Amino acid sequence: MAGRPAGQDSKGAGDPRPWFSLFTEIGIIAQLSAAAFEAEMPGWLVSQFGVLQHLVLRGDGATPLELARAFQVPKTTMTHTLKLLEGRGMVTLSPNPADGRSKIVRLTPAGAAFREEAIGRLSLRMTRLAEHPGLADPQDLLPQLRALREVLDATRDEKPEG
């Protein structure tokens, strides 16, 4: 293929550097978007919003351990985040009927309303992105990003051979 170094297929298998470049860009985008969120929503962390978003998308309660695994953070970190959210009335923590030792986290109406408020407050920043020439339509990017996330999620506990 023209434009690719010898020995490199279309997925960069011969040279891992394009993957490192991709993840560097994703990391920078994550930092910039977190800073934008936190500037727009003083006193809130993007990680707290992420829990609310996860509960909305999941559509049901989750245990703190399930949330910690989903966010790849220690359970103690997630427990701290959940206590902050509970203190703000964004989630409830109730006994898990399937396992009395754990809790179930559920989004409250206030948590769902805050999520919508945050999305609304950030919408101006998001719509400004559409004004930039050269940026792809997010609907065109989503399938590849979802596929990448699904592969990473499915393989996150695998140890590389070698």
Protein backbone atom coordinates (compact mmCIF):
# COMPACT_ATOMS: atom_id res chain seq x y z
CA MET A 1 0.00 0.00 0.00
CA ALA A 2 1.26 3.41 -0.86
CA GLY A 3 2.17 5.64 2.05
CA ARG A 4 2.78 2.82 4.54
CA PRO A 5 6.21 1.64 5.62
CA ALA A 6 7.28 -1.76 4.34
CA GLY A 7 6.07 -4.57 6.58
CA GLN A 8 3.16 -2.62 8.01
CA ASP A 9 -0.38 -3.77 7.29
CA SER A 10 -3.47 -1.56 7.40
CA LYS A 11 -3.86 -2.03 11.17
CA GLY A 12 -0.28 -1.06 12.05
CA ALA A 13 0.67 -4.56 13.18
CA GLY A 14 4.21 -4.19 11.86
CA ASP A 15 4.77 -0.97 13.81
CA PRO A 16 3.00 -0.26 17.11
CA ARG A 17 3.81 3.46 16.99
CA PRO A 18 0.54 4.46 15.26
CA TRP A 19 -1.36 2.81 18.13
CA PHE A 20 0.72 4.74 20.68
CA SER A 21 0.03 7.94 18.74
CA LEU A 22 -3.69 7.15 18.70
CA PHE A 23 -3.80 6.55 22.45
CA THR A 24 -1.73 9.67 23.09
CA GLU A 25 -4.32 11.71 21.20
CA ILE A 26 -7.18 9.99 23.05
CA GLY A 27 -5.47 10.73 26.37
CA ILE A 28 -4.99 14.40 25.51
CA ILE A 29 -8.61 14.64 24.35
CA ALA A 30 -9.71 13.06 27.65
CA GLN A 31 -7.67 15.60 29.64
CA LEU A 32 -8.98 18.56 27.63
CA SER A 33 -12.59 17.40 27.83
CA ALA A 34 -12.28 16.76 31.60
CA ALA A 35 -10.86 20.26 32.11
CA ALA A 36 -13.69 21.74 30.02
CA PHE A 37 -16.28 19.82 32.05
CA GLU A 38 -14.76 20.89 35.37
CA ALA A 39 -14.55 24.53 34.23
CA GLU A 40 -18.21 24.47 33.23
CA MET A 41 -19.31 22.57 36.36
CA PRO A 42 -17.30 24.03 39.28
CA GLY A 43 -17.10 21.73 42.27
CA TRP A 44 -17.71 18.62 40.18
CA LEU A 45 -15.24 16.11 38.80
CA VAL A 46 -15.67 14.43 35.45
CA SER A 47 -15.28 11.08 37.26
CA GLN A 48 -18.42 11.84 39.28
CA PHE A 49 -20.33 12.71 36.12
CA GLY A 50 -18.98 9.50 34.56
CA VAL A 51 -20.65 7.43 37.26
CA LEU A 52 -23.98 9.17 36.65
CA GLN A 53 -23.58 8.69 32.91
CA HIS A 54 -22.75 5.00 33.40
CA LEU A 55 -25.84 4.46 35.54
CA VAL A 56 -28.04 6.15 32.93
CA LEU A 57 -26.58 4.11 30.07
CA ARG A 58 -26.68 0.87 32.05
CA GLY A 59 -30.29 1.50 33.00
CA ASP A 60 -30.13 -0.35 36.30
CA GLY A 61 -28.38 -0.41 39.64
CA ALA A 62 -24.81 -1.61 40.01
CA THR A 63 -22.62 -2.65 42.89
CA PRO A 64 -19.66 -0.50 43.87
CA LEU A 65 -17.37 -3.34 42.79
CA GLU A 66 -19.00 -3.50 39.34
CA LEU A 67 -18.55 0.25 38.99
CA ALA A 68 -14.94 0.07 40.15
CA ARG A 69 -14.24 -2.60 37.54
CA ALA A 70 -16.02 -0.64 34.82
CA PHE A 71 -13.95 2.46 35.61
CA GLN A 72 -10.74 0.51 36.29
CA VAL A 73 -10.23 2.11 39.70
CA PRO A 74 -9.74 0.57 43.15
CA LYS A 75 -12.94 -0.20 45.02
CA THR A 76 -11.92 2.28 47.73
CA THR A 77 -11.71 5.06 45.13
CA MET A 78 -15.14 4.20 43.79
CA THR A 79 -16.57 3.98 47.31
CA HIS A 80 -15.28 7.51 48.00
CA THR A 81 -16.84 8.81 44.75
CA LEU A 82 -20.14 7.11 45.56
CA LYS A 83 -20.22 8.58 49.08
CA LEU A 84 -19.73 12.06 47.58
CA LEU A 85 -22.52 11.44 45.07
CA GLU A 86 -24.78 10.04 47.77
CA GLY A 87 -24.10 13.10 49.95
CA ARG A 88 -25.19 15.31 47.06
CA GLY A 89 -28.37 13.27 46.57
CA MET A 90 -27.28 12.02 43.13
CA VAL A 91 -27.33 8.30 43.96
CA THR A 92 -28.68 6.00 46.62
CA LEU A 93 -26.82 3.11 48.19
CA SER A 94 -29.06 0.34 49.44
CA PRO A 95 -28.47 -3.23 50.58
CA ASN A 96 -27.98 -5.70 47.75
CA PRO A 97 -30.79 -8.27 47.98
CA ALA A 98 -28.60 -10.83 46.19
CA ASP A 99 -25.64 -10.35 48.57
CA GLY A 100 -26.12 -8.75 51.96
CA ARG A 101 -22.44 -7.79 52.11
CA SER A 102 -22.63 -5.36 49.20
CA LYS A 103 -24.71 -2.38 48.17
CA ILE A 104 -26.64 -1.45 45.05
CA VAL A 105 -26.08 2.00 43.58
CA ARG A 106 -29.04 3.63 41.90
CA LEU A 107 -29.39 6.98 40.22
CA THR A 108 -31.84 9.38 41.87
CA PRO A 109 -34.10 11.76 39.97
CA ALA A 110 -31.74 14.55 41.14
CA GLY A 111 -28.79 12.64 39.67
CA ALA A 112 -30.56 12.21 36.35
CA ALA A 113 -31.52 15.91 36.34
CA PHE A 114 -27.94 16.96 37.14
CA ARG A 115 -26.66 14.82 34.26
CA GLU A 116 -29.07 16.56 31.88
CA GLU A 117 -28.07 19.97 33.28
CA ALA A 118 -24.38 19.17 32.74
CA ILE A 119 -25.04 18.04 29.17
CA GLY A 120 -26.97 21.25 28.56
CA ARG A 121 -24.23 23.44 30.01
CA LEU A 122 -21.62 21.69 27.88
CA SER A 123 -23.67 21.74 24.68
CA LEU A 124 -22.35 25.12 23.53
CA ARG A 125 -18.78 23.80 23.69
CA MET A 126 -19.85 20.70 21.78
CA THR A 127 -21.72 22.56 19.06
CA ARG A 128 -18.68 24.79 18.51
CA LEU A 129 -16.77 21.68 17.47
CA ALA A 130 -19.09 21.28 14.50
CA GLU A 131 -17.94 24.69 13.23
CA HIS A 132 -14.36 23.52 12.72
CA PRO A 133 -13.60 22.47 9.16
CA GLY A 134 -11.81 19.19 8.84
CA LEU A 135 -13.44 17.53 11.84
CA ALA A 136 -15.38 14.41 10.99
CA ASP A 137 -19.00 14.07 11.96
CA PRO A 138 -19.03 12.35 15.38
CA GLN A 139 -21.52 9.82 14.01
CA ASP A 140 -18.81 8.75 11.54
CA LEU A 141 -16.22 8.33 14.32
CA LEU A 142 -18.39 6.50 16.84
CA PRO A 143 -18.44 3.04 15.22
CA GLN A 144 -14.64 2.79 15.19
CA LEU A 145 -14.27 4.21 18.69
CA ARG A 146 -16.93 1.83 20.02
CA ALA A 147 -15.19 -1.10 18.32
CA LEU A 148 -11.87 -0.05 19.86
CA ARG A 149 -13.49 0.25 23.31
CA GLU A 150 -15.15 -3.14 22.96
CA VAL A 151 -11.84 -4.83 22.07
CA LEU A 152 -10.03 -3.10 24.94
CA ASP A 153 -12.83 -3.97 27.36
CA ALA A 154 -12.96 -7.61 26.26
CA THR A 155 -9.20 -8.02 26.55
CA ARG A 156 -8.40 -5.83 29.58
CA ASP A 157 -7.59 -8.76 31.87
CA GLU A 158 -5.53 -10.68 29.32
CA LYS A 159 -1.78 -10.89 29.86
CA PRO A 160 0.36 -10.54 26.73
CA GLU A 161 2.31 -13.65 25.78
CA GLY A 162 6.03 -13.48 25.65
